[in-house]
Amino acid sequence: MKEQVEEVLGKIRPLLLRDGGDVELISVEDGVVKVRLKGACGGCPMAAMTLKRGIEARLKEEIPEVKEVVSI
């Protein structure tokens, strides 16, 4: 499943890079995806929304086994 997550993050990444941010996959365990928001995304007040409504929603849409995405 880690490869699937990386593939989906690859689709999302250009949007984040456009705004000066990025996302790094840390791990995938039992349907929980752990990521680190980097660059402008790391300190952005909208980071929680980006994580849940953007990254998590897209991952769940494309990979039904994903239960949650958390930022570490």
PDB file of N, CA and C in Angstrom:
ATOM      1  N   MET A   1       0.827  -1.195   0.000  1.00  0.00           N
ATOM      2  CA  MET A   1       0.000   0.000   0.000  1.00  0.00           C
ATOM      3  C   MET A   1       0.873   1.262   0.000  1.00  0.00           C
ATOM      4  N   LYS A   2       2.079   1.173   0.514  1.00  0.00           N
ATOM      5  CA  LYS A   2       2.962   2.344   0.565  1.00  0.00           C
ATOM      6  C   LYS A   2       3.217   2.888  -0.846  1.00  0.00           C
ATOM      7  N   GLU A   3       3.389   1.989  -1.815  1.00  0.00           N
ATOM      8  CA  GLU A   3       3.633   2.418  -3.183  1.00  0.00           C
ATOM      9  C   GLU A   3       2.416   3.155  -3.743  1.00  0.00           C
ATOM     10  N   GLN A   4       1.214   2.672  -3.422  1.00  0.00           N
ATOM     11  CA  GLN A   4      -0.008   3.336  -3.867  1.00  0.00           C
ATOM     12  C   GLN A   4      -0.102   4.740  -3.282  1.00  0.00           C
ATOM     13  N   VAL A   5       0.227   4.859  -2.000  1.00  0.00           N
ATOM     14  CA  VAL A   5       0.175   6.162  -1.329  1.00  0.00           C
ATOM     15  C   VAL A   5       1.171   7.116  -1.988  1.00  0.00           C
ATOM     16  N   GLU A   6       2.376   6.641  -2.247  1.00  0.00           N
ATOM     17  CA  GLU A   6       3.387   7.489  -2.904  1.00  0.00           C
ATOM     18  C   GLU A   6       2.889   7.955  -4.262  1.00  0.00           C
ATOM     19  N   GLU A   7       2.200   7.072  -4.995  1.00  0.00           N
ATOM     20  CA  GLU A   7       1.691   7.434  -6.313  1.00  0.00           C
ATOM     21  C   GLU A   7       0.652   8.557  -6.214  1.00  0.00           C
ATOM     22  N   VAL A   8      -0.254   8.445  -5.249  1.00  0.00           N
ATOM     23  CA  VAL A   8      -1.278   9.479  -5.071  1.00  0.00           C
ATOM     24  C   VAL A   8      -0.643  10.783  -4.593  1.00  0.00           C
ATOM     25  N   LEU A   9       0.295  10.694  -3.670  1.00  0.00           N
ATOM     26  CA  LEU A   9       0.984  11.903  -3.209  1.00  0.00           C
ATOM     27  C   LEU A   9       1.706  12.578  -4.375  1.00  0.00           C
ATOM     28  N   GLY A  10       2.195  11.791  -5.322  1.00  0.00           N
ATOM     29  CA  GLY A  10       2.839  12.342  -6.506  1.00  0.00           C
ATOM     30  C   GLY A  10       1.887  13.195  -7.345  1.00  0.00           C
ATOM     31  N   LYS A  11       0.600  12.856  -7.289  1.00  0.00           N
ATOM     32  CA  LYS A  11      -0.408  13.636  -8.005  1.00  0.00           C
ATOM     33  C   LYS A  11      -0.745  14.933  -7.265  1.00  0.00           C
ATOM     34  N   ILE A  12      -0.658  14.890  -5.938  1.00  0.00           N
ATOM     35  CA  ILE A  12      -0.991  16.041  -5.096  1.00  0.00           C
ATOM     36  C   ILE A  12       0.185  17.015  -5.001  1.00  0.00           C
ATOM     37  N   ARG A  13       1.375  16.475  -5.005  1.00  0.00           N
ATOM     38  CA  ARG A  13       2.601  17.250  -4.757  1.00  0.00           C
ATOM     39  C   ARG A  13       2.729  18.507  -5.612  1.00  0.00           C
ATOM     40  N   PRO A  14       2.434  18.478  -6.923  1.00  0.00           N
ATOM     41  CA  PRO A  14       2.587  19.705  -7.716  1.00  0.00           C
ATOM     42  C   PRO A  14       1.752  20.876  -7.194  1.00  0.00           C
ATOM     43  N   LEU A  15       0.586  20.588  -6.645  1.00  0.00           N
ATOM     44  CA  LEU A  15      -0.249  21.650  -6.076  1.00  0.00           C
ATOM     45  C   LEU A  15       0.409  22.265  -4.848  1.00  0.00           C
ATOM     46  N   LEU A  16       1.007  21.426  -4.026  1.00  0.00           N
ATOM     47  CA  LEU A  16       1.685  21.911  -2.827  1.00  0.00           C
ATOM     48  C   LEU A  16       2.946  22.701  -3.200  1.00  0.00           C
ATOM     49  N   LEU A  17       3.699  22.172  -4.165  1.00  0.00           N
ATOM     50  CA  LEU A  17       4.927  22.840  -4.594  1.00  0.00           C
ATOM     51  C   LEU A  17       4.636  24.219  -5.177  1.00  0.00           C
ATOM     52  N   ARG A  18       3.522  24.342  -5.856  1.00  0.00           N
ATOM     53  CA  ARG A  18       3.133  25.625  -6.451  1.00  0.00           C
ATOM     54  C   ARG A  18       2.990  26.704  -5.377  1.00  0.00           C
ATOM     55  N   ASP A  19       2.572  26.285  -4.174  1.00  0.00           N
ATOM     56  CA  ASP A  19       2.391  27.227  -3.070  1.00  0.00           C
ATOM     57  C   ASP A  19       3.590  27.266  -2.126  1.00  0.00           C
ATOM     58  N   GLY A  20       4.693  26.632  -2.526  1.00  0.00           N
ATOM     59  CA  GLY A  20       5.911  26.676  -1.725  1.00  0.00           C
ATOM     60  C   GLY A  20       6.001  25.609  -0.653  1.00  0.00           C
ATOM     61  N   GLY A  21       5.161  24.590  -0.731  1.00  0.00           N
ATOM     62  CA  GLY A  21       5.176  23.521   0.264  1.00  0.00           C
ATOM     63  C   GLY A  21       5.483  22.174  -0.356  1.00  0.00           C
ATOM     64  N   ASP A  22       5.377  21.154   0.462  1.00  0.00           N
ATOM     65  CA  ASP A  22       5.595  19.782  -0.003  1.00  0.00           C
ATOM     66  C   ASP A  22       5.080  18.836   1.071  1.00  0.00           C
ATOM     67  N   VAL A  23       5.002  17.561   0.723  1.00  0.00           N
ATOM     68  CA  VAL A  23       4.584  16.536   1.677  1.00  0.00           C
ATOM     69  C   VAL A  23       5.544  15.364   1.552  1.00  0.00           C
ATOM     70  N   GLU A  24       5.940  14.826   2.698  1.00  0.00           N
ATOM     71  CA  GLU A  24       6.856  13.693   2.751  1.00  0.00           C
ATOM     72  C   GLU A  24       6.142  12.533   3.430  1.00  0.00           C
ATOM     73  N   LEU A  25       6.147  11.369   2.798  1.00  0.00           N
ATOM     74  CA  LEU A  25       5.553  10.179   3.397  1.00  0.00           C
ATOM     75  C   LEU A  25       6.515   9.611   4.422  1.00  0.00           C
ATOM     76  N   ILE A  26       6.033   9.425   5.649  1.00  0.00           N
ATOM     77  CA  ILE A  26       6.857   8.867   6.717  1.00  0.00           C
ATOM     78  C   ILE A  26       6.599   7.366   6.840  1.00  0.00           C
ATOM     79  N   SER A  27       5.312   6.981   6.954  1.00  0.00           N
ATOM     80  CA  SER A  27       4.996   5.561   7.071  1.00  0.00           C
ATOM     81  C   SER A  27       3.533   5.305   6.767  1.00  0.00           C
ATOM     82  N   VAL A  28       3.239   4.031   6.540  1.00  0.00           N
ATOM     83  CA  VAL A  28       1.867   3.561   6.371  1.00  0.00           C
ATOM     84  C   VAL A  28       1.741   2.323   7.254  1.00  0.00           C
ATOM     85  N   GLU A  29       0.859   2.402   8.263  1.00  0.00           N
ATOM     86  CA  GLU A  29       0.682   1.291   9.202  1.00  0.00           C
ATOM     87  C   GLU A  29      -0.800   1.095   9.482  1.00  0.00           C
ATOM     88  N   ASP A  30      -1.318  -0.080   9.176  1.00  0.00           N
ATOM     89  CA  ASP A  30      -2.713  -0.426   9.463  1.00  0.00           C
ATOM     90  C   ASP A  30      -3.695   0.626   8.951  1.00  0.00           C
ATOM     91  N   GLY A  31      -3.466   1.126   7.762  1.00  0.00           N
ATOM     92  CA  GLY A  31      -4.372   2.096   7.163  1.00  0.00           C
ATOM     93  C   GLY A  31      -4.164   3.531   7.603  1.00  0.00           C
ATOM     94  N   VAL A  32      -3.209   3.764   8.497  1.00  0.00           N
ATOM     95  CA  VAL A  32      -2.899   5.124   8.950  1.00  0.00           C
ATOM     96  C   VAL A  32      -1.653   5.605   8.219  1.00  0.00           C
ATOM     97  N   VAL A  33      -1.818   6.696   7.488  1.00  0.00           N
ATOM     98  CA  VAL A  33      -0.724   7.268   6.715  1.00  0.00           C
ATOM     99  C   VAL A  33      -0.138   8.432   7.510  1.00  0.00           C
ATOM    100  N   LYS A  34       1.161   8.368   7.756  1.00  0.00           N
ATOM    101  CA  LYS A  34       1.845   9.438   8.487  1.00  0.00           C
ATOM    102  C   LYS A  34       2.686  10.226   7.497  1.00  0.00           C
ATOM    103  N   VAL A  35       2.466  11.538   7.505  1.00  0.00           N
ATOM    104  CA  VAL A  35       3.185  12.423   6.590  1.00  0.00           C
ATOM    105  C   VAL A  35       3.778  13.593   7.363  1.00  0.00           C
ATOM    106  N   ARG A  36       4.710  14.267   6.711  1.00  0.00           N
ATOM    107  CA  ARG A  36       5.282  15.503   7.251  1.00  0.00           C
ATOM    108  C   ARG A  36       5.064  16.582   6.199  1.00  0.00           C
ATOM    109  N   LEU A  37       4.384  17.640   6.589  1.00  0.00           N
ATOM    110  CA  LEU A  37       4.208  18.789   5.701  1.00  0.00           C
ATOM    111  C   LEU A  37       5.461  19.639   5.787  1.00  0.00           C
ATOM    112  N   LYS A  38       5.975  20.050   4.639  1.00  0.00           N
ATOM    113  CA  LYS A  38       7.250  20.762   4.592  1.00  0.00           C
ATOM    114  C   LYS A  38       7.087  22.099   3.896  1.00  0.00           C
ATOM    115  N   GLY A  39       8.101  22.936   4.020  1.00  0.00           N
ATOM    116  CA  GLY A  39       8.105  24.243   3.374  1.00  0.00           C
ATOM    117  C   GLY A  39       6.988  25.117   3.901  1.00  0.00           C
ATOM    118  N   ALA A  40       6.348  25.845   3.008  1.00  0.00           N
ATOM    119  CA  ALA A  40       5.272  26.756   3.397  1.00  0.00           C
ATOM    120  C   ALA A  40       4.109  26.014   4.055  1.00  0.00           C
ATOM    121  N   CYS A  41       3.909  24.756   3.696  1.00  0.00           N
ATOM    122  CA  CYS A  41       2.803  23.976   4.276  1.00  0.00           C
ATOM    123  C   CYS A  41       3.039  23.667   5.755  1.00  0.00           C
ATOM    124  N   GLY A  42       4.296  23.599   6.157  1.00  0.00           N
ATOM    125  CA  GLY A  42       4.613  23.260   7.541  1.00  0.00           C
ATOM    126  C   GLY A  42       4.120  24.275   8.541  1.00  0.00           C
ATOM    127  N   GLY A  43       4.140  25.543   8.182  1.00  0.00           N
ATOM    128  CA  GLY A  43       3.740  26.574   9.125  1.00  0.00           C
ATOM    129  C   GLY A  43       2.475  27.313   8.736  1.00  0.00           C
ATOM    130  N   CYS A  44       1.813  26.832   7.730  1.00  0.00           N
ATOM    131  CA  CYS A  44       0.619  27.514   7.219  1.00  0.00           C
ATOM    132  C   CYS A  44      -0.578  27.309   8.144  1.00  0.00           C
ATOM    133  N   PRO A  45      -1.362  28.361   8.393  1.00  0.00           N
ATOM    134  CA  PRO A  45      -2.556  28.222   9.228  1.00  0.00           C
ATOM    135  C   PRO A  45      -3.610  27.300   8.598  1.00  0.00           C
ATOM    136  N   MET A  46      -3.516  27.074   7.298  1.00  0.00           N
ATOM    137  CA  MET A  46      -4.470  26.200   6.604  1.00  0.00           C
ATOM    138  C   MET A  46      -3.960  24.763   6.498  1.00  0.00           C
ATOM    139  N   ALA A  47      -2.857  24.444   7.152  1.00  0.00           N
ATOM    140  CA  ALA A  47      -2.245  23.122   7.029  1.00  0.00           C
ATOM    141  C   ALA A  47      -3.198  22.001   7.435  1.00  0.00           C
ATOM    142  N   ALA A  48      -3.970  22.199   8.500  1.00  0.00           N
ATOM    143  CA  ALA A  48      -4.895  21.149   8.944  1.00  0.00           C
ATOM    144  C   ALA A  48      -5.954  20.877   7.877  1.00  0.00           C
ATOM    145  N   MET A  49      -6.432  21.925   7.231  1.00  0.00           N
ATOM    146  CA  MET A  49      -7.427  21.745   6.181  1.00  0.00           C
ATOM    147  C   MET A  49      -6.801  21.067   4.962  1.00  0.00           C
ATOM    148  N   THR A  50      -5.592  21.467   4.619  1.00  0.00           N
ATOM    149  CA  THR A  50      -4.881  20.839   3.505  1.00  0.00           C
ATOM    150  C   THR A  50      -4.709  19.356   3.781  1.00  0.00           C
ATOM    151  N   LEU A  51      -4.357  19.024   5.011  1.00  0.00           N
ATOM    152  CA  LEU A  51      -4.122  17.631   5.383  1.00  0.00           C
ATOM    153  C   LEU A  51      -5.404  16.811   5.294  1.00  0.00           C
ATOM    154  N   LYS A  52      -6.481  17.281   5.898  1.00  0.00           N
ATOM    155  CA  LYS A  52      -7.718  16.499   5.968  1.00  0.00           C
ATOM    156  C   LYS A  52      -8.561  16.578   4.705  1.00  0.00           C
ATOM    157  N   ARG A  53      -8.821  17.787   4.227  1.00  0.00           N
ATOM    158  CA  ARG A  53      -9.716  17.948   3.078  1.00  0.00           C
ATOM    159  C   ARG A  53      -9.015  17.759   1.746  1.00  0.00           C
ATOM    160  N   GLY A  54      -7.710  17.874   1.749  1.00  0.00           N
ATOM    161  CA  GLY A  54      -6.956  17.707   0.509  1.00  0.00           C
ATOM    162  C   GLY A  54      -6.302  16.344   0.437  1.00  0.00           C
ATOM    163  N   ILE A  55      -5.263  16.151   1.229  1.00  0.00           N
ATOM    164  CA  ILE A  55      -4.463  14.936   1.158  1.00  0.00           C
ATOM    165  C   ILE A  55      -5.261  13.713   1.603  1.00  0.00           C
ATOM    166  N   GLU A  56      -5.869  13.767   2.781  1.00  0.00           N
ATOM    167  CA  GLU A  56      -6.606  12.607   3.291  1.00  0.00           C
ATOM    168  C   GLU A  56      -7.790  12.257   2.381  1.00  0.00           C
ATOM    169  N   ALA A  57      -8.536  13.243   1.950  1.00  0.00           N
ATOM    170  CA  ALA A  57      -9.703  12.982   1.093  1.00  0.00           C
ATOM    171  C   ALA A  57      -9.278  12.299  -0.207  1.00  0.00           C
ATOM    172  N   ARG A  58      -8.209  12.789  -0.806  1.00  0.00           N
ATOM    173  CA  ARG A  58      -7.744  12.207  -2.079  1.00  0.00           C
ATOM    174  C   ARG A  58      -7.236  10.786  -1.882  1.00  0.00           C
ATOM    175  N   LEU A  59      -6.484  10.563  -0.793  1.00  0.00           N
ATOM    176  CA  LEU A  59      -5.981   9.215  -0.533  1.00  0.00           C
ATOM    177  C   LEU A  59      -7.126   8.238  -0.287  1.00  0.00           C
ATOM    178  N   LYS A  60      -8.110   8.632   0.503  1.00  0.00           N
ATOM    179  CA  LYS A  60      -9.248   7.755   0.777  1.00  0.00           C
ATOM    180  C   LYS A  60     -10.047   7.472  -0.494  1.00  0.00           C
ATOM    181  N   GLU A  61     -10.145   8.455  -1.362  1.00  0.00           N
ATOM    182  CA  GLU A  61     -10.880   8.301  -2.618  1.00  0.00           C
ATOM    183  C   GLU A  61     -10.205   7.260  -3.519  1.00  0.00           C
ATOM    184  N   GLU A  62      -8.888   7.313  -3.590  1.00  0.00           N
ATOM    185  CA  GLU A  62      -8.154   6.430  -4.489  1.00  0.00           C
ATOM    186  C   GLU A  62      -7.713   5.122  -3.844  1.00  0.00           C
ATOM    187  N   ILE A  63      -7.596   5.116  -2.504  1.00  0.00           N
ATOM    188  CA  ILE A  63      -7.167   3.910  -1.785  1.00  0.00           C
ATOM    189  C   ILE A  63      -8.115   3.700  -0.608  1.00  0.00           C
ATOM    190  N   PRO A  64      -9.184   2.944  -0.795  1.00  0.00           N
ATOM    191  CA  PRO A  64     -10.196   2.770   0.259  1.00  0.00           C
ATOM    192  C   PRO A  64      -9.654   2.217   1.585  1.00  0.00           C
ATOM    193  N   GLU A  65      -8.516   1.548   1.550  1.00  0.00           N
ATOM    194  CA  GLU A  65      -7.930   0.984   2.786  1.00  0.00           C
ATOM    195  C   GLU A  65      -7.358   2.052   3.715  1.00  0.00           C
ATOM    196  N   VAL A  66      -7.172   3.265   3.215  1.00  0.00           N
ATOM    197  CA  VAL A  66      -6.648   4.352   4.051  1.00  0.00           C
ATOM    198  C   VAL A  66      -7.747   4.781   5.035  1.00  0.00           C
ATOM    199  N   LYS A  67      -7.407   4.728   6.317  1.00  0.00           N
ATOM    200  CA  LYS A  67      -8.359   5.107   7.372  1.00  0.00           C
ATOM    201  C   LYS A  67      -8.190   6.559   7.794  1.00  0.00           C
ATOM    202  N   GLU A  68      -6.939   7.004   7.848  1.00  0.00           N
ATOM    203  CA  GLU A  68      -6.651   8.344   8.370  1.00  0.00           C
ATOM    204  C   GLU A  68      -5.285   8.796   7.893  1.00  0.00           C
ATOM    205  N   VAL A  69      -5.115  10.097   7.795  1.00  0.00           N
ATOM    206  CA  VAL A  69      -3.812  10.687   7.491  1.00  0.00           C
ATOM    207  C   VAL A  69      -3.483  11.625   8.646  1.00  0.00           C
ATOM    208  N   VAL A  70      -2.284  11.440   9.221  1.00  0.00           N
ATOM    209  CA  VAL A  70      -1.854  12.288  10.329  1.00  0.00           C
ATOM    210  C   VAL A  70      -0.519  12.929   9.990  1.00  0.00           C
ATOM    211  N   SER A  71      -0.338  14.126  10.502  1.00  0.00           N
ATOM    212  CA  SER A  71       0.911  14.851  10.305  1.00  0.00           C
ATOM    213  C   SER A  71       1.788  14.671  11.531  1.00  0.00           C
ATOM    214  N   ILE A  72       3.048  14.382  11.302  1.00  0.00           N
ATOM    215  CA  ILE A  72       3.964  14.238  12.444  1.00  0.00           C
ATOM    216  C   ILE A  72       5.074  15.267  12.347  1.00  0.00           C
TER     217      ILE A  72
END
